[in-house]
C-alpha atoms as a PDB file:
ATOM      1  CA  PHE A   1     100.621  82.720  76.675  1.00  0.00           C
ATOM      2  CA  HIS A   2     103.358  79.921  77.330  1.00  0.00           C
ATOM      3  CA  ASP A   3     104.393  77.766  80.340  1.00  0.00           C
ATOM      4  CA  LYS A   4     108.035  77.686  81.553  1.00  0.00           C
ATOM      5  CA  GLU A   5     108.768  75.118  79.026  1.00  0.00           C
ATOM      6  CA  GLY A   6     107.474  77.143  75.996  1.00  0.00           C
ATOM      7  CA  ASN A   7     104.009  75.176  75.753  1.00  0.00           C
ATOM      8  CA  ILE A   8     101.022  77.201  74.699  1.00  0.00           C
ATOM      9  CA  THR A   9      98.868  77.602  77.802  1.00  0.00           C
ATOM     10  CA  GLY A  10      96.337  80.269  76.442  1.00  0.00           C
ATOM     11  CA  PHE A  11      95.782  83.266  74.489  1.00  0.00           C
ATOM     12  CA  GLN A  12      94.199  86.868  74.647  1.00  0.00           C
ATOM     13  CA  GLY A  13      92.541  89.144  72.277  1.00  0.00           C
ATOM     14  CA  ARG A  14      91.669  92.733  72.381  1.00  0.00           C
ATOM     15  CA  ALA A  15      88.959  94.675  70.766  1.00  0.00           C
ATOM     16  CA  LEU A  16      90.415  97.412  68.526  1.00  0.00           C
ATOM     17  CA  GLY A  17      87.181  99.423  67.991  1.00  0.00           C
ATOM     18  CA  GLU A  18      84.314 100.319  70.183  1.00  0.00           C
ATOM     19  CA  SER A  19      83.298  97.220  72.293  1.00  0.00           C
ATOM     20  CA  LYS A  20      81.639  96.578  75.811  1.00  0.00           C
ATOM     21  CA  ILE A  21      84.352  93.900  76.048  1.00  0.00           C
ATOM     22  CA  ARG A  22      87.762  95.047  75.531  1.00  0.00           C
ATOM     23  CA  TYR A  23      89.707  91.878  76.275  1.00  0.00           C
ATOM     24  CA  ILE A  24      89.008  88.132  76.184  1.00  0.00           C
ATOM     25  CA  THR A  25      91.312  85.821  77.640  1.00  0.00           C
ATOM     26  CA  ILE A  26      91.325  82.019  77.247  1.00  0.00           C
ATOM     27  CA  LYS A  27      93.346  79.732  79.517  1.00  0.00           C
ATOM     28  CA  LEU A  28      93.834  76.114  78.417  1.00  0.00           C
ATOM     29  CA  GLY A  29      93.554  74.659  81.830  1.00  0.00           C
ATOM     30  CA  GLU A  30      92.332  75.565  85.353  1.00  0.00           C
ATOM     31  CA  ASP A  31      95.697  75.164  87.180  1.00  0.00           C
ATOM     32  CA  ILE A  32      97.725  76.808  84.514  1.00  0.00           C
ATOM     33  CA  PRO A  33      99.423  80.119  85.478  1.00  0.00           C
ATOM     34  CA  GLY A  34      97.684  82.832  83.605  1.00  0.00           C
ATOM     35  CA  MET A  35     100.840  84.897  83.127  1.00  0.00           C
ATOM     36  CA  PHE A  36     102.340  86.199  79.726  1.00  0.00           C
ATOM     37  CA  GLY A  37     106.123  85.967  79.571  1.00  0.00           C
ATOM     38  CA  ILE A  38     106.732  83.478  82.236  1.00  0.00           C
ATOM     39  CA  ASP A  39     108.583  81.438  79.621  1.00  0.00           C
ATOM     40  CA  LYS A  40     111.141  84.183  79.320  1.00  0.00           C
ATOM     41  CA  LEU A  41     111.762  85.028  82.995  1.00  0.00           C
ATOM     42  CA  ASN A  42     115.047  84.821  84.852  1.00  0.00           C
ATOM     43  CA  LEU A  43     113.897  83.493  88.261  1.00  0.00           C
ATOM     44  CA  ASP A  44     116.982  84.697  90.011  1.00  0.00           C
ATOM     45  CA  GLU A  45     116.491  88.519  89.125  1.00  0.00           C
ATOM     46  CA  LYS A  46     113.759  91.034  90.064  1.00  0.00           C
ATOM     47  CA  ILE A  47     110.527  90.143  88.363  1.00  0.00           C
ATOM     48  CA  TYR A  48     107.979  93.047  87.337  1.00  0.00           C
ATOM     49  CA  VAL A  49     104.507  91.859  87.452  1.00  0.00           C
ATOM     50  CA  PHE A  50     102.066  93.969  85.206  1.00  0.00           C
ATOM     51  CA  GLU A  51      98.308  93.971  84.600  1.00  0.00           C
ATOM     52  CA  GLY A  52      98.582  93.718  80.783  1.00  0.00           C
ATOM     53  CA  PRO A  53     100.764  91.551  78.569  1.00  0.00           C
ATOM     54  CA  ILE A  54     101.619  94.376  76.275  1.00  0.00           C
ATOM     55  CA  ASP A  55     103.077  96.504  79.061  1.00  0.00           C
ATOM     56  CA  SER A  56     105.290  93.559  80.203  1.00  0.00           C
ATOM     57  CA  MET A  57     106.702  93.478  76.727  1.00  0.00           C
ATOM     58  CA  PHE A  58     108.666  96.701  77.107  1.00  0.00           C
ATOM     59  CA  ILE A  59     110.353  96.049  80.458  1.00  0.00           C
ATOM     60  CA  LYS A  60     113.008  93.153  80.948  1.00  0.00           C
ATOM     61  CA  ASN A  61     112.009  90.330  83.132  1.00  0.00           C
ATOM     62  CA  SER A  62     108.526  90.931  83.413  1.00  0.00           C
ATOM     63  CA  VAL A  63     105.031  89.250  82.937  1.00  0.00           C
ATOM     64  CA  GLY A  64     101.596  90.322  82.437  1.00  0.00           C
ATOM     65  CA  VAL A  65      98.871  88.538  84.422  1.00  0.00           C
ATOM     66  CA  ALA A  66      96.006  89.836  82.163  1.00  0.00           C
ATOM     67  CA  SER A  67      93.982  91.123  85.055  1.00  0.00           C
ATOM     68  CA  SER A  68      94.426  93.689  87.858  1.00  0.00           C
ATOM     69  CA  ALA A  69      94.864  90.748  90.421  1.00  0.00           C
ATOM     70  CA  LEU A  70      98.685  91.077  90.593  1.00  0.00           C
ATOM     71  CA  GLU A  71      98.983  89.253  93.910  1.00  0.00           C
ATOM     72  CA  SER A  72      97.918  86.025  92.023  1.00  0.00           C
ATOM     73  CA  ALA A  73     101.781  86.056  90.580  1.00  0.00           C
ATOM     74  CA  ALA A  74     102.773  84.950  94.096  1.00  0.00           C
ATOM     75  CA  LYS A  75     101.297  81.546  93.717  1.00  0.00           C
ATOM     76  CA  HIS A  76     103.876  80.669  90.913  1.00  0.00           C
ATOM     77  CA  LEU A  77     106.696  83.272  91.701  1.00  0.00           C
ATOM     78  CA  ASP A  78     108.895  84.065  94.673  1.00  0.00           C
ATOM     79  CA  LYS A  79     107.136  86.713  96.374  1.00  0.00           C
ATOM     80  CA  SER A  80     110.288  88.266  97.543  1.00  0.00           C
ATOM     81  CA  LYS A  81     111.607  88.895  93.813  1.00  0.00           C
ATOM     82  CA  ILE A  82     108.328  90.426  92.421  1.00  0.00           C
ATOM     83  CA  VAL A  83     107.432  93.992  92.072  1.00  0.00           C
ATOM     84  CA  LEU A  84     103.755  94.619  91.438  1.00  0.00           C
ATOM     85  CA  VAL A  85     103.081  97.263  88.744  1.00  0.00           C
ATOM     86  CA  PHE A  86      99.502  98.529  88.985  1.00  0.00           C
ATOM     87  CA  ASP A  87      98.091 100.793  86.225  1.00  0.00           C
ATOM     88  CA  ASN A  88      98.505 104.525  87.154  1.00  0.00           C
ATOM     89  CA  GLU A  89      94.827 105.011  87.969  1.00  0.00           C
ATOM     90  CA  PRO A  90      94.648 106.814  91.357  1.00  0.00           C
ATOM     91  CA  ARG A  91      90.982 107.546  90.859  1.00  0.00           C
ATOM     92  CA  ASN A  92      90.026 103.997  90.068  1.00  0.00           C
ATOM     93  CA  LYS A  93      88.538 102.505  93.309  1.00  0.00           C
ATOM     94  CA  GLU A  94      89.178  98.834  92.185  1.00  0.00           C
ATOM     95  CA  ILE A  95      92.883  99.694  91.609  1.00  0.00           C
ATOM     96  CA  VAL A  96      93.224 101.547  94.654  1.00  0.00           C
ATOM     97  CA  LYS A  97      91.591  98.806  96.818  1.00  0.00           C
ATOM     98  CA  LEU A  98      93.953  96.102  95.194  1.00  0.00           C
ATOM     99  CA  MET A  99      97.158  98.170  95.583  1.00  0.00           C
ATOM    100  CA  GLU A 100      96.230  98.892  99.317  1.00  0.00           C
ATOM    101  CA  HIS A 101      95.771  95.158  99.869  1.00  0.00           C
ATOM    102  CA  ALA A 102      99.098  94.305  98.265  1.00  0.00           C
ATOM    103  CA  ILE A 103     100.795  97.007 100.345  1.00  0.00           C
ATOM    104  CA  ASP A 104      99.124  95.551 103.309  1.00  0.00           C
ATOM    105  CA  ASN A 105     100.341  92.056 102.410  1.00  0.00           C
ATOM    106  CA  HIS A 106     104.001  93.271 102.240  1.00  0.00           C
ATOM    107  CA  PHE A 107     104.345  93.199  98.500  1.00  0.00           C
ATOM    108  CA  ASN A 108     106.902  95.475  96.584  1.00  0.00           C
ATOM    109  CA  VAL A 109     104.792  97.914  94.734  1.00  0.00           C
ATOM    110  CA  ILE A 110     105.478 100.806  92.310  1.00  0.00           C
ATOM    111  CA  VAL A 111     103.680 103.972  93.134  1.00  0.00           C
ATOM    112  CA  TRP A 112     103.860 105.999  90.148  1.00  0.00           C
ATOM    113  CA  PRO A 113     105.016 109.596  90.655  1.00  0.00           C
ATOM    114  CA  GLU A 114     102.856 112.694  90.158  1.00  0.00           C
ATOM    115  CA  MET A 115     104.728 113.804  86.952  1.00  0.00           C
ATOM    116  CA  ILE A 116     103.483 110.545  85.338  1.00  0.00           C
ATOM    117  CA  ASP A 117     100.119 111.189  83.753  1.00  0.00           C
ATOM    118  CA  GLU A 118      99.778 108.143  81.425  1.00  0.00           C
ATOM    119  CA  LYS A 119      97.677 105.048  82.587  1.00  0.00           C
ATOM    120  CA  ASP A 120     100.219 102.346  81.803  1.00  0.00           C
ATOM    121  CA  VAL A 121     103.623 101.517  80.415  1.00  0.00           C
ATOM    122  CA  ASN A 122     102.302 101.207  76.926  1.00  0.00           C
ATOM    123  CA  ASP A 123     100.921 104.595  77.061  1.00  0.00           C
ATOM    124  CA  MET A 124     104.090 105.938  78.508  1.00  0.00           C
ATOM    125  CA  VAL A 125     106.169 104.445  75.660  1.00  0.00           C
ATOM    126  CA  LEU A 126     103.550 105.863  73.094  1.00  0.00           C
ATOM    127  CA  GLN A 127     104.165 109.277  74.536  1.00  0.00           C
ATOM    128  CA  GLY A 128     107.736 108.997  74.053  1.00  0.00           C
ATOM    129  CA  PHE A 129     109.350 107.761  77.245  1.00  0.00           C
ATOM    130  CA  ASP A 130     112.581 106.209  76.772  1.00  0.00           C
ATOM    131  CA  ILE A 131     112.527 102.537  78.103  1.00  0.00           C
ATOM    132  CA  GLU A 132     115.808 103.130  80.185  1.00  0.00           C
ATOM    133  CA  ASP A 133     114.273 106.245  81.805  1.00  0.00           C
ATOM    134  CA  LEU A 134     111.017 104.481  82.410  1.00  0.00           C
ATOM    135  CA  HIS A 135     112.990 101.544  84.138  1.00  0.00           C
ATOM    136  CA  ASP A 136     114.880 104.073  86.220  1.00  0.00           C
ATOM    137  CA  ILE A 137     111.480 105.694  87.222  1.00  0.00           C
ATOM    138  CA  MET A 138     110.161 102.226  88.251  1.00  0.00           C
ATOM    139  CA  GLU A 139     113.369 101.513  90.400  1.00  0.00           C
ATOM    140  CA  LYS A 140     113.183 104.954  92.183  1.00  0.00           C
ATOM    141  CA  ASN A 141     109.506 104.408  92.847  1.00  0.00           C
ATOM    142  CA  THR A 142     109.382 100.824  94.190  1.00  0.00           C
ATOM    143  CA  TYR A 143     108.330 100.700  97.857  1.00  0.00           C
ATOM    144  CA  VAL A 144     107.255  98.305 100.642  1.00  0.00           C
ATOM    145  CA  ASN A 145     105.712  98.319 103.955  1.00  0.00           C
ATOM    146  CA  LEU A 146     105.527 101.739 105.727  1.00  0.00           C
ATOM    147  CA  ARG A 147     107.204 103.587 102.809  1.00  0.00           C
ATOM    148  CA  ALA A 148     104.737 102.149 100.264  1.00  0.00           C
ATOM    149  CA  LYS A 149     101.785 102.995 102.571  1.00  0.00           C
ATOM    150  CA  MET A 150     102.934 106.710 102.782  1.00  0.00           C
ATOM    151  CA  GLU A 151     103.598 106.989  99.004  1.00  0.00           C
ATOM    152  CA  PHE A 152     100.229 105.182  98.349  1.00  0.00           C
ATOM    153  CA  VAL A 153      98.287 107.660 100.599  1.00  0.00           C
ATOM    154  CA  ASN A 154      99.908 110.572  98.578  1.00  0.00           C
ATOM    155  CA  TRP A 155      99.157 108.897  95.271  1.00  0.00           C
ATOM    156  CA  LYS A 156      95.468 107.792  95.542  1.00  0.00           C
ATOM    157  CA  LYS A 157      92.752 110.237  94.736  1.00  0.00           C
ATOM    158  CA  VAL A 158      89.553 108.453  96.109  1.00  0.00           C
END
């Protein structure tokens, strides 16, 4: 993880085998934004905010916050420019709750279409999705306010 000037602000490791702890993230300061990729952003364009840093590496102008607390990105980025990209887990109560909260707080969110079975962008790429097609799917499924609420109600399974 780097800051906007390229200085190291933290790092993350992931267990590759069976482990109770899948990820460990170390931030090198309390007030440092924990966003992977912030050093490469164009702040004048739309910014995609992902849970995972790996997901953010596939999509132009995006960050990974290394948690499911995607709304935290608004502390450091212009809320009107960000699109929250939660993992596609309609049966995960925590994700559903966080996504509903984001919609209620007027964030732009992606509500994955029913045809997408994969959990996240990394899995979609591993299954053969073309990056351009994936970006198109994301663009067409970005919603805010009442439309987001309607799409969300149809998406969630809990």
